[in-house]
Amino acid sequence: MQLTPEQEKALDLIRQKQFVLIHGVTGSGKTEIYLRAAQEVCAAGRQVIVLVPEISLTPQTVQRFAERFKIAALHSALTPKERRINRQKILRGEVQLAVGARSALFAPFPNLGLIIIDEEQDSSYKQDNNPRYHAVAAALQRAQFCGARVVLGTATPALETYHLFQNPPDDKYGYIYLPRRVENRPLPPVEIVDMRAELQNGNFSVLSARLQRELRACLDSGGKAMLLMNRRGFATFVSCRACGYTLECPRCSVALVYHSDGQAKCHYCGRAEKIPEQICPQCGRPYLKYFGAGTQKAEAELRKYFGDARILRMDSDTTTQRGAHEKILQEFLAADRAVLLGTQMIAKGHDFSAVTLVGIIAADALLNLPDFRSAEQTFQLLTQAAGRAGRGSQAGRVIVQTYQPEHYAVQAASRHDAPGFYAQELVVRRELNYPPFSRLTAIVFAAADEAQARKMAEHYARKYAPQALGPAPCIIRKLKGYYRWQILLKDTEINYADFPAEASVKIEIDVDPLNMY
């Protein structure tokens, strides 16, 4: 396979620099660059680690490496015996390349030469339980120790990574932008549908009239479509129209989500309970109503309007069994006229040449989160999802449904304008002194007695004043039976010895937090 001039430039940069960020649009050939770089390193007698966000969601990437190398897979889906066998192969020198999720970073190669991190912006690279670490930061450190190179690749880099490589601390860092797809395939045009107008026109479906027409045209021509809806379940909450009561998890301060099996489930602790037939448990009147929509409701509407097509749903509820991801993807690949509906897991790294239509059903799901990264996450998800369209010989198109069509993240994603989005978002972050212009530490205090959690949060807020923001209840105030209060520190070094272990209050210290809930 002949590399494009831009791919050749990227490969040359990897040879020259220790740390390289390949910022390439979807379909720009980043995987082939990884493969060529890995071949050169292995030919020199050194070893390679390839990290992917979730190995079950990236079977095509893993397969491409397996076709050229003897690989060892290292990930949580393996049995202890399988993991032990693969590690022994590494130690005996039987393989030169390991592929896996974040923990594969610690593969015991004696002469590591290259670490490749695909979709480096993905939040799954951050481990939120002890020992807490971010695979990207840990990879840079490991490479420093053993003289290896690091290649980060993505269409939508994390803002902190983008800023670091645009303003490198030394000449070890290299950045390259690949603005075109291989074989000059066009990026798909993106059409924004204002869902406020749909409501005014009497359309209460989760599918806009425009998306329904495009789906029908796609399926009638024998094509395939992917639809992204980043909410599980049938209805996002259940409330009484008479007294206003909302069904909440008694262990977590979040609304229960109604599922099509008739149960209301908590997506944080897993609690499930049967919903009474429209009878409000508080006032006893028959006015319970289901509000919002999730993937199950979207699936029901797809079956209603497009019953002649193969409808597949991919979310946490349909992928609980081992091998479920691969089975769903293989069914989609084999079908002639098919729609793959899913949460954000379908936006990651899939390369289906027959997909000509991508629909994003609820682009506002992330925008409305109380998180300073909400615009960045929205831009990343829209861009990644849109990139699944038109990767083959047929042109693709993208429909984005939103109630905020004027938002700069939505507009930038519709123009495929990554540099423009990052420039604008960096201005916002600088004004607010948020990362990458500061470093955050979130400290959460959790206790069965809320007064205890609040008292300790107030104590440490005074101790770290004036750098501390808060104390305040966490967005999810109660989780798995524990009340949670937090403080947020900016650019503050903390002494872990200041936080004694107490049985009554659990303390979680998260440096560079990705989750603000």
Protein backbone atom coordinates (compact mmCIF):
# COMPACT_ATOMS: atom_id res chain seq x y z
CA MET A 1 0.00 0.00 0.00
CA GLN A 2 1.39 3.38 -1.08
CA LEU A 3 1.43 6.03 1.63
CA THR A 4 0.11 9.49 0.86
CA PRO A 5 2.60 12.39 1.09
CA GLU A 6 0.96 13.44 4.36
CA GLN A 7 1.32 9.93 5.79
CA GLU A 8 5.01 9.94 4.77
CA LYS A 9 5.49 13.25 6.58
CA ALA A 10 3.90 11.79 9.71
CA LEU A 11 6.16 8.73 9.56
CA ASP A 12 9.24 10.95 9.14
CA LEU A 13 8.16 12.99 12.15
CA ILE A 14 7.93 9.81 14.25
CA ARG A 15 11.49 8.96 13.27
CA GLN A 16 12.69 12.43 14.32
CA LYS A 17 10.74 13.14 17.53
CA GLN A 18 10.25 11.15 20.71
CA PHE A 19 6.64 12.26 21.24
CA VAL A 20 4.30 12.78 18.27
CA LEU A 21 0.64 13.78 18.05
CA ILE A 22 -1.02 12.76 14.77
CA HIS A 23 -4.11 14.92 14.54
CA GLY A 24 -5.89 13.52 11.49
CA VAL A 25 -9.47 13.70 10.32
CA THR A 26 -11.43 10.46 10.41
CA GLY A 27 -10.32 8.23 7.53
CA SER A 28 -6.97 10.00 7.06
CA GLY A 29 -4.99 6.75 7.39
CA LYS A 30 -3.65 7.00 10.94
CA THR A 31 -3.75 3.22 11.47
CA GLU A 32 -1.48 2.60 8.48
CA ILE A 33 1.01 5.08 9.93
CA TYR A 34 0.93 3.16 13.22
CA LEU A 35 1.58 -0.11 11.35
CA ARG A 36 4.56 1.26 9.41
CA ALA A 37 6.11 2.80 12.54
CA ALA A 38 5.64 -0.48 14.43
CA GLN A 39 7.26 -2.47 11.60
CA GLU A 40 10.36 -0.28 11.71
CA VAL A 41 10.67 -0.62 15.49
CA CYS A 42 10.18 -4.41 15.44
CA ALA A 43 12.70 -4.74 12.57
CA ALA A 44 15.24 -3.04 14.85
CA GLY A 45 14.69 -5.72 17.51
CA ARG A 46 12.57 -3.66 19.89
CA GLN A 47 8.96 -4.09 21.03
CA VAL A 48 5.72 -2.15 20.63
CA ILE A 49 2.66 -1.52 22.81
CA VAL A 50 -0.59 -0.44 21.12
CA LEU A 51 -3.34 0.99 23.34
CA VAL A 52 -6.96 1.21 22.22
CA PRO A 53 -9.84 2.61 24.33
CA GLU A 54 -11.78 -0.65 24.63
CA ILE A 55 -10.52 -3.72 22.81
CA SER A 56 -14.00 -5.19 22.31
CA LEU A 57 -15.04 -2.02 20.46
CA THR A 58 -12.04 -1.90 18.13
CA PRO A 59 -11.83 -5.39 16.58
CA GLN A 60 -10.84 -4.02 13.18
CA THR A 61 -7.81 -2.16 14.57
CA VAL A 62 -6.70 -5.25 16.49
CA GLN A 63 -7.19 -7.43 13.41
CA ARG A 64 -5.02 -5.17 11.24
CA PHE A 65 -2.13 -5.50 13.70
CA ALA A 66 -2.68 -9.25 14.01
CA GLU A 67 -2.37 -9.61 10.22
CA ARG A 68 1.20 -8.19 10.28
CA PHE A 69 2.55 -9.13 13.71
CA LYS A 70 2.48 -11.88 16.27
CA ILE A 71 0.55 -10.09 18.97
CA ALA A 72 -0.40 -10.63 22.59
CA ALA A 73 -3.74 -9.23 23.71
CA LEU A 74 -3.91 -7.79 27.22
CA HIS A 75 -7.29 -6.65 28.48
CA SER A 76 -9.86 -7.22 31.22
CA ALA A 77 -12.03 -9.60 29.15
CA LEU A 78 -9.33 -12.28 29.28
CA THR A 79 -9.43 -15.02 31.88
CA PRO A 80 -6.56 -15.04 34.41
CA LYS A 81 -5.11 -18.06 32.58
CA GLU A 82 -5.23 -16.30 29.19
CA ARG A 83 -3.63 -13.20 30.67
CA ARG A 84 -0.86 -15.27 32.27
CA ILE A 85 -0.13 -17.11 29.01
CA ASN A 86 0.14 -13.84 27.05
CA ARG A 87 2.45 -12.27 29.61
CA GLN A 88 4.65 -15.36 29.48
CA LYS A 89 4.84 -15.05 25.69
CA ILE A 90 6.04 -11.46 26.14
CA LEU A 91 8.66 -12.43 28.71
CA ARG A 92 9.94 -15.29 26.50
CA GLY A 93 10.24 -12.95 23.50
CA GLU A 94 7.68 -14.88 21.44
CA VAL A 95 5.79 -11.70 20.53
CA GLN A 96 7.00 -8.20 19.75
CA LEU A 97 3.72 -6.36 19.99
CA ALA A 98 1.02 -6.15 22.66
CA VAL A 99 -2.45 -4.72 22.04
CA GLY A 100 -4.89 -3.80 24.77
CA ALA A 101 -6.68 -1.23 26.86
CA ARG A 102 -4.91 1.05 29.35
CA SER A 103 -3.43 -1.71 31.55
CA ALA A 104 -1.51 -3.07 28.53
CA LEU A 105 0.80 -0.09 29.01
CA PHE A 106 2.57 -2.14 31.68
CA ALA A 107 3.35 -5.09 29.40
CA PRO A 108 6.77 -6.43 30.57
CA PHE A 109 8.75 -5.88 27.37
CA PRO A 110 12.51 -5.80 28.07
CA ASN A 111 13.37 -3.46 25.18
CA LEU A 112 10.34 -1.31 24.54
CA GLY A 113 10.74 0.95 21.52
CA LEU A 114 7.31 2.41 20.75
CA ILE A 115 3.99 3.11 22.46
CA ILE A 116 1.01 3.89 20.21
CA ILE A 117 -2.17 5.32 21.78
CA ASP A 118 -5.15 5.40 19.44
CA GLU A 119 -8.05 7.80 20.20
CA GLU A 120 -5.89 9.40 22.88
CA GLN A 121 -8.74 11.68 24.00
CA ASP A 122 -10.88 8.78 25.21
CA SER A 123 -11.83 9.02 28.88
CA SER A 124 -11.34 5.26 29.37
CA TYR A 125 -7.57 5.90 29.47
CA LYS A 126 -8.07 7.46 32.91
CA GLN A 127 -8.35 4.98 35.76
CA ASP A 128 -10.66 6.41 38.41
CA ASN A 129 -9.99 3.87 41.16
CA ASN A 130 -6.71 3.33 42.95
CA PRO A 131 -4.08 3.41 41.70
CA ARG A 132 -5.33 6.43 39.75
CA TYR A 133 -3.42 7.20 36.57
CA HIS A 134 -3.91 8.43 33.02
CA ALA A 135 -2.45 6.11 30.40
CA VAL A 136 -1.27 9.00 28.20
CA ALA A 137 0.70 10.67 31.01
CA ALA A 138 2.01 7.30 32.20
CA ALA A 139 3.09 6.41 28.63
CA LEU A 140 5.12 9.60 28.34
CA GLN A 141 6.84 8.75 31.63
CA ARG A 142 7.56 5.14 30.70
CA ALA A 143 8.97 6.24 27.36
CA GLN A 144 11.29 8.67 29.14
CA PHE A 145 12.63 5.87 31.34
CA CYS A 146 13.32 3.36 28.55
CA GLY A 147 14.09 5.63 25.60
CA ALA A 148 10.98 4.67 23.66
CA ARG A 149 8.86 6.82 21.36
CA VAL A 150 5.19 7.67 21.87
CA VAL A 151 2.67 8.23 19.07
CA LEU A 152 -0.74 9.66 19.96
CA GLY A 153 -3.40 9.56 17.27
CA THR A 154 -6.92 10.97 17.03
CA ALA A 155 -9.26 13.14 15.02
CA THR A 156 -10.23 15.00 18.20
CA PRO A 157 -7.34 15.39 20.66
CA ALA A 158 -7.98 16.23 24.29
CA LEU A 159 -7.63 19.98 24.67
CA GLU A 160 -4.77 19.56 27.15
CA THR A 161 -2.89 17.31 24.69
CA TYR A 162 -3.52 19.69 21.78
CA HIS A 163 -2.24 22.66 23.80
CA LEU A 164 0.83 20.73 24.97
CA PHE A 165 1.89 19.80 21.44
CA GLN A 166 1.12 23.28 20.10
CA ASN A 167 3.28 24.75 22.89
CA PRO A 168 5.91 22.03 23.45
CA PRO A 169 8.30 22.32 26.41
CA ASP A 170 11.23 21.14 24.27
CA ASP A 171 12.13 19.82 20.82
CA LYS A 172 11.19 16.21 21.66
CA TYR A 173 7.57 16.96 20.74
CA GLY A 174 6.15 16.89 17.20
CA TYR A 175 2.68 17.69 15.85
CA ILE A 176 1.15 17.02 12.44
CA TYR A 177 -2.36 17.70 11.15
CA LEU A 178 -3.83 15.48 8.43
CA PRO A 179 -6.77 17.43 6.99
CA ARG A 180 -7.74 15.00 4.20
CA ARG A 181 -8.95 11.44 3.93
CA VAL A 182 -6.94 8.87 2.01
CA GLU A 183 -7.70 8.56 -1.72
CA ASN A 184 -9.15 12.08 -1.45
CA ARG A 185 -12.48 10.74 -0.25
CA PRO A 186 -14.60 13.70 0.81
CA LEU A 187 -15.60 14.29 4.40
CA PRO A 188 -19.37 13.83 4.66
CA PRO A 189 -21.56 16.95 4.56
CA VAL A 190 -23.26 17.60 7.89
CA GLU A 191 -26.81 18.91 8.08
CA ILE A 192 -28.10 20.38 11.35
CA VAL A 193 -31.79 19.83 12.19
CA ASP A 194 -33.33 22.24 14.70
CA MET A 195 -35.54 20.04 16.89
CA ARG A 196 -37.41 23.09 18.19
CA ALA A 197 -38.94 23.46 14.73
CA GLU A 198 -39.87 19.76 14.73
CA LEU A 199 -41.90 20.27 17.90
CA GLN A 200 -43.58 23.36 16.44
CA ASN A 201 -44.55 21.27 13.41
CA GLY A 202 -46.15 18.62 15.60
CA ASN A 203 -43.43 15.96 15.30
CA PHE A 204 -42.89 14.42 18.76
CA SER A 205 -40.79 11.51 17.53
CA VAL A 206 -37.12 11.20 18.49
CA LEU A 207 -36.51 11.00 14.72
CA SER A 208 -36.87 14.26 12.80
CA ALA A 209 -38.76 14.25 9.50
CA ARG A 210 -35.48 14.92 7.71
CA LEU A 211 -33.71 11.98 9.36
CA GLN A 212 -36.65 9.70 8.58
CA ARG A 213 -36.49 10.65 4.88
CA GLU A 214 -32.75 10.13 4.72
CA LEU A 215 -33.04 6.77 6.47
CA ARG A 216 -35.69 5.62 4.00
CA ALA A 217 -33.55 6.69 1.02
CA CYS A 218 -30.48 4.99 2.49
CA LEU A 219 -32.25 1.70 3.18
CA ASP A 220 -34.13 1.66 -0.15
CA SER A 221 -30.79 1.87 -1.94
CA GLY A 222 -29.49 -1.12 0.04
CA GLY A 223 -27.26 0.99 2.28
CA LYS A 224 -26.48 1.02 5.98
CA ALA A 225 -26.90 3.67 8.63
CA MET A 226 -25.52 4.30 12.11
CA LEU A 227 -27.54 6.26 14.67
CA LEU A 228 -25.99 7.66 17.84
CA MET A 229 -28.08 8.28 20.95
CA ASN A 230 -26.01 8.71 24.07
CA ARG A 231 -28.71 7.66 26.53
CA ARG A 232 -29.69 4.12 27.48
CA GLY A 233 -33.20 3.03 28.36
CA PHE A 234 -36.71 3.84 27.15
CA ALA A 235 -37.44 7.02 29.13
CA THR A 236 -34.85 9.08 31.01
CA PHE A 237 -37.11 9.66 34.02
CA VAL A 238 -40.59 8.89 35.36
CA SER A 239 -42.62 11.63 37.04
CA CYS A 240 -46.14 12.19 38.35
CA ARG A 241 -48.08 14.91 36.53
CA ALA A 242 -50.32 15.40 39.56
CA CYS A 243 -47.87 15.97 42.43
CA GLY A 244 -44.52 16.31 40.61
CA TYR A 245 -42.92 13.31 42.31
CA THR A 246 -39.99 11.82 40.35
CA LEU A 247 -38.87 8.25 40.84
CA GLU A 248 -35.36 8.36 42.28
CA CYS A 249 -32.89 5.75 43.42
CA PRO A 250 -33.01 5.63 47.25
CA ARG A 251 -29.25 4.94 47.32
CA CYS A 252 -28.23 7.58 44.72
CA SER A 253 -29.61 11.07 44.12
CA VAL A 254 -30.42 10.36 40.48
CA ALA A 255 -33.65 9.67 38.63
CA LEU A 256 -34.43 6.06 37.81
CA VAL A 257 -34.45 5.34 34.07
CA TYR A 258 -37.41 3.41 32.68
CA HIS A 259 -36.52 0.37 30.58
CA SER A 260 -38.75 -1.54 28.18
CA ASP A 261 -38.80 -4.59 30.47
CA GLY A 262 -41.04 -2.58 32.80
CA GLN A 263 -38.33 -1.84 35.35
CA ALA A 264 -36.87 1.46 36.49
CA LYS A 265 -33.11 1.17 36.86
CA CYS A 266 -30.34 3.23 38.43
CA HIS A 267 -27.44 3.53 36.01
CA TYR A 268 -25.01 4.17 38.88
CA CYS A 269 -25.59 1.42 41.45
CA GLY A 270 -27.61 -1.01 39.33
CA ARG A 271 -30.74 -1.01 41.52
CA ALA A 272 -33.90 -2.03 39.65
CA GLU A 273 -37.52 -1.91 40.71
CA LYS A 274 -40.85 -2.64 39.07
CA ILE A 275 -42.90 0.43 38.23
CA PRO A 276 -46.54 0.37 39.36
CA GLU A 277 -49.07 0.70 36.55
CA GLN A 278 -49.16 4.50 36.22
CA ILE A 279 -49.87 4.75 39.97
CA CYS A 280 -47.77 7.35 41.75
CA PRO A 281 -46.23 5.83 44.91
CA GLN A 282 -46.43 9.23 46.65
CA CYS A 283 -49.94 10.54 45.95
CA GLY A 284 -51.57 7.31 44.74
CA ARG A 285 -53.05 8.90 41.62
CA PRO A 286 -52.76 7.34 38.12
CA TYR A 287 -50.68 10.08 36.55
CA LEU A 288 -47.18 8.64 36.16
CA LYS A 289 -45.69 9.69 32.84
CA TYR A 290 -42.48 8.72 31.07
CA PHE A 291 -40.32 11.64 29.97
CA GLY A 292 -37.31 11.84 27.70
CA ALA A 293 -36.01 9.08 25.46
CA GLY A 294 -33.18 6.57 25.33
CA THR A 295 -31.89 3.93 22.95
CA GLN A 296 -34.74 1.53 23.69
CA LYS A 297 -37.36 4.10 22.72
CA ALA A 298 -35.41 5.01 19.58
CA GLU A 299 -35.22 1.31 18.69
CA ALA A 300 -39.00 0.99 19.10
CA GLU A 301 -39.58 3.90 16.73
CA LEU A 302 -37.12 2.52 14.18
CA ARG A 303 -38.95 -0.81 14.19
CA LYS A 304 -42.23 1.06 13.77
CA TYR A 305 -41.10 3.10 10.77
CA PHE A 306 -38.50 0.76 9.23
CA GLY A 307 -39.70 -2.72 10.12
CA ASP A 308 -38.40 -4.07 6.82
CA ALA A 309 -34.77 -3.32 7.79
CA ARG A 310 -32.37 -5.06 10.17
CA ILE A 311 -32.33 -2.98 13.38
CA LEU A 312 -29.47 -3.61 15.82
CA ARG A 313 -28.98 -1.88 19.18
CA MET A 314 -25.58 -1.62 20.86
CA ASP A 315 -25.44 -0.26 24.39
CA SER A 316 -24.54 -1.43 27.88
CA ASP A 317 -27.78 -3.40 28.14
CA THR A 318 -27.23 -5.46 24.96
CA THR A 319 -23.52 -6.12 25.48
CA THR A 320 -23.37 -7.65 28.93
CA GLN A 321 -22.28 -11.09 27.70
CA ARG A 322 -18.77 -11.88 26.55
CA GLY A 323 -18.38 -11.46 22.80
CA ALA A 324 -21.63 -9.47 22.45
CA HIS A 325 -19.91 -6.44 20.88
CA GLU A 326 -18.27 -8.53 18.16
CA LYS A 327 -21.51 -10.42 17.46
CA ILE A 328 -23.52 -7.24 16.95
CA LEU A 329 -20.84 -5.69 14.73
CA GLN A 330 -20.57 -8.86 12.63
CA GLU A 331 -24.36 -8.96 12.17
CA PHE A 332 -24.30 -5.35 11.03
CA LEU A 333 -21.43 -6.05 8.66
CA ALA A 334 -23.23 -9.04 7.11
CA ALA A 335 -26.66 -7.42 6.70
CA ASP A 336 -27.70 -5.76 3.45
CA ARG A 337 -30.11 -3.10 4.72
CA ALA A 338 -29.35 -2.34 8.33
CA VAL A 339 -29.38 0.33 11.03
CA LEU A 340 -26.96 0.18 13.97
CA LEU A 341 -28.30 2.24 16.87
CA GLY A 342 -26.12 2.78 19.90
CA THR A 343 -24.57 4.94 22.57
CA GLN A 344 -21.13 6.53 22.21
CA MET A 345 -19.52 3.09 21.89
CA ILE A 346 -20.54 2.98 18.20
CA ALA A 347 -18.63 6.21 17.51
CA LYS A 348 -15.23 4.70 18.35
CA GLY A 349 -12.96 3.58 15.55
CA HIS A 350 -15.33 1.47 13.47
CA ASP A 351 -14.62 1.36 9.75
CA PHE A 352 -17.65 0.16 7.78
CA SER A 353 -17.29 1.08 4.12
CA ALA A 354 -21.01 0.51 3.41
CA VAL A 355 -22.23 3.11 5.94
CA THR A 356 -23.50 6.11 4.00
CA LEU A 357 -25.67 7.77 6.63
CA VAL A 358 -24.94 8.73 10.23
CA GLY A 359 -27.62 10.28 12.40
CA ILE A 360 -26.96 11.89 15.78
CA ILE A 361 -30.31 11.82 17.53
CA ALA A 362 -29.61 14.00 20.58
CA ALA A 363 -26.53 16.19 20.17
CA ASP A 364 -27.44 18.13 23.34
CA ALA A 365 -26.98 15.22 25.76
CA LEU A 366 -23.42 16.24 26.65
CA LEU A 367 -23.85 19.99 26.14
CA ASN A 368 -26.25 20.18 29.06
CA LEU A 369 -23.94 18.53 31.56
CA PRO A 370 -22.59 20.70 34.41
CA ASP A 371 -18.98 20.20 33.31
CA PHE A 372 -16.49 22.70 31.90
CA ARG A 373 -15.52 20.06 29.31
CA SER A 374 -19.07 19.68 27.95
CA ALA A 375 -18.39 21.63 24.74
CA GLU A 376 -15.17 19.71 24.10
CA GLN A 377 -16.86 16.36 24.70
CA THR A 378 -19.73 17.31 22.41
CA PHE A 379 -17.39 18.34 19.60
CA GLN A 380 -15.38 15.12 19.98
CA LEU A 381 -18.43 12.86 19.97
CA LEU A 382 -20.10 14.58 17.01
CA THR A 383 -16.87 14.55 15.00
CA GLN A 384 -16.10 10.91 15.78
CA ALA A 385 -19.65 9.80 14.99
CA ALA A 386 -19.78 11.80 11.76
CA GLY A 387 -16.51 10.18 10.73
CA ARG A 388 -18.21 6.77 10.41
CA ALA A 389 -20.01 7.96 7.22
CA GLY A 390 -18.66 7.74 3.67
CA ARG A 391 -15.48 5.79 4.41
CA GLY A 392 -15.93 3.58 1.33
CA SER A 393 -16.48 4.32 -2.34
CA GLN A 394 -19.94 5.78 -1.74
CA ALA A 395 -20.36 9.31 -0.44
CA GLY A 396 -21.82 9.72 3.03
CA ARG A 397 -23.89 12.29 4.84
CA VAL A 398 -24.60 13.19 8.46
CA ILE A 399 -27.76 14.48 10.17
CA VAL A 400 -27.31 16.17 13.57
CA GLN A 401 -30.46 16.75 15.64
CA THR A 402 -30.15 19.44 18.30
CA TYR A 403 -32.08 22.01 20.30
CA GLN A 404 -29.01 24.30 20.28
CA PRO A 405 -28.05 24.53 16.58
CA GLU A 406 -26.16 27.79 17.11
CA HIS A 407 -23.73 26.38 19.72
CA TYR A 408 -20.12 26.76 18.59
CA ALA A 409 -19.27 23.09 19.29
CA VAL A 410 -22.13 21.92 17.06
CA GLN A 411 -21.28 24.45 14.36
CA ALA A 412 -17.57 23.56 14.34
CA ALA A 413 -18.33 19.83 14.14
CA SER A 414 -20.69 20.46 11.22
CA ARG A 415 -17.87 22.24 9.35
CA HIS A 416 -15.26 19.60 10.29
CA ASP A 417 -13.32 22.54 11.73
CA ALA A 418 -11.15 21.13 14.51
CA PRO A 419 -8.55 23.96 14.53
CA GLY A 420 -11.35 26.54 14.74
CA PHE A 421 -13.04 24.78 17.63
CA TYR A 422 -9.82 24.36 19.61
CA ALA A 423 -8.90 28.02 19.13
CA GLN A 424 -12.29 29.16 20.42
CA GLU A 425 -12.40 26.71 23.33
CA LEU A 426 -8.89 27.71 24.43
CA VAL A 427 -10.05 31.32 24.70
CA VAL A 428 -12.90 30.24 26.98
CA ARG A 429 -10.62 28.08 29.13
CA ARG A 430 -8.03 30.85 29.48
CA GLU A 431 -10.68 33.34 30.63
CA LEU A 432 -11.96 30.89 33.27
CA ASN A 433 -8.49 29.61 34.21
CA TYR A 434 -9.46 26.02 33.54
CA PRO A 435 -7.17 23.31 32.12
CA PRO A 436 -4.88 23.47 30.22
CA PHE A 437 -4.17 26.84 31.90
CA SER A 438 -4.47 25.42 35.41
CA ARG A 439 -4.32 22.05 37.09
CA LEU A 440 -7.33 20.80 39.03
CA THR A 441 -7.61 18.47 41.99
CA ALA A 442 -11.05 17.28 43.08
CA ILE A 443 -11.45 16.05 46.66
CA VAL A 444 -14.68 14.20 47.45
CA PHE A 445 -15.84 13.45 51.00
CA ALA A 446 -18.43 10.67 51.27
CA ALA A 447 -20.29 9.43 54.33
CA ALA A 448 -23.54 7.72 55.28
CA ASP A 449 -24.23 10.77 57.48
CA GLU A 450 -24.34 13.87 55.26
CA ALA A 451 -23.44 16.17 58.15
CA GLN A 452 -20.13 14.36 58.60
CA ALA A 453 -19.27 14.64 54.90
CA ARG A 454 -20.14 18.33 54.86
CA LYS A 455 -18.20 19.07 58.07
CA MET A 456 -15.02 17.50 56.72
CA ALA A 457 -15.40 19.25 53.35
CA GLU A 458 -15.73 22.58 55.17
CA HIS A 459 -12.62 21.83 57.22
CA TYR A 460 -10.43 21.22 54.16
CA ALA A 461 -11.95 24.16 52.27
CA ARG A 462 -10.73 26.42 55.10
CA LYS A 463 -7.37 24.66 55.18
CA TYR A 464 -6.75 25.23 51.46
CA ALA A 465 -8.34 28.69 51.21
CA PRO A 466 -8.19 30.77 49.08
CA GLN A 467 -7.30 28.20 46.37
CA ALA A 468 -10.31 25.99 47.22
CA LEU A 469 -13.63 26.25 45.40
CA GLY A 470 -16.50 25.04 47.57
CA PRO A 471 -17.39 23.12 49.57
CA ALA A 472 -20.52 22.06 47.70
CA PRO A 473 -22.58 18.92 47.26
CA CYS A 474 -21.44 16.81 44.32
CA ILE A 475 -23.69 16.90 41.27
CA ILE A 476 -24.70 13.36 42.20
CA ARG A 477 -25.21 14.19 45.84
CA LYS A 478 -25.83 10.64 47.01
CA LEU A 479 -24.19 7.57 45.45
CA LYS A 480 -24.58 3.97 46.60
CA GLY A 481 -25.85 5.09 49.98
CA TYR A 482 -23.14 7.71 50.64
CA TYR A 483 -23.68 11.47 50.70
CA ARG A 484 -20.95 13.29 48.79
CA TRP A 485 -19.46 16.76 49.21
CA GLN A 486 -16.46 18.10 47.35
CA ILE A 487 -13.94 20.89 47.04
CA LEU A 488 -12.00 21.78 43.91
CA LEU A 489 -8.42 23.03 44.05
CA LYS A 490 -6.64 24.96 41.28
CA ASP A 491 -2.86 24.78 40.97
CA THR A 492 -2.43 23.52 44.52
CA GLU A 493 0.09 20.99 45.76
CA ILE A 494 -1.46 18.78 48.42
CA ASN A 495 0.11 16.71 51.15
CA TYR A 496 -1.56 13.30 51.26
CA ALA A 497 -0.53 12.97 54.91
CA ASP A 498 -3.03 15.75 55.65
CA PHE A 499 -5.87 13.34 54.85
CA PRO A 500 -6.00 10.67 57.57
CA ALA A 501 -8.06 7.56 56.91
CA GLU A 502 -11.30 7.71 58.87
CA ALA A 503 -13.85 4.94 58.98
CA SER A 504 -16.81 7.32 58.98
CA VAL A 505 -15.79 9.49 55.99
CA LYS A 506 -14.27 8.24 52.76
CA ILE A 507 -11.93 10.68 50.99
CA GLU A 508 -11.19 10.47 47.27
CA ILE A 509 -8.43 12.67 45.82
CA ASP A 510 -8.49 12.92 42.04
CA VAL A 511 -5.74 14.92 40.32
CA ASP A 512 -6.70 16.07 36.79
CA PRO A 513 -10.29 14.78 37.15
CA LEU A 514 -12.24 13.92 34.01
CA ASN A 515 -15.49 13.28 35.84
CA MET A 516 -16.95 16.28 37.64
CA TYR A 517 -20.00 14.52 39.11
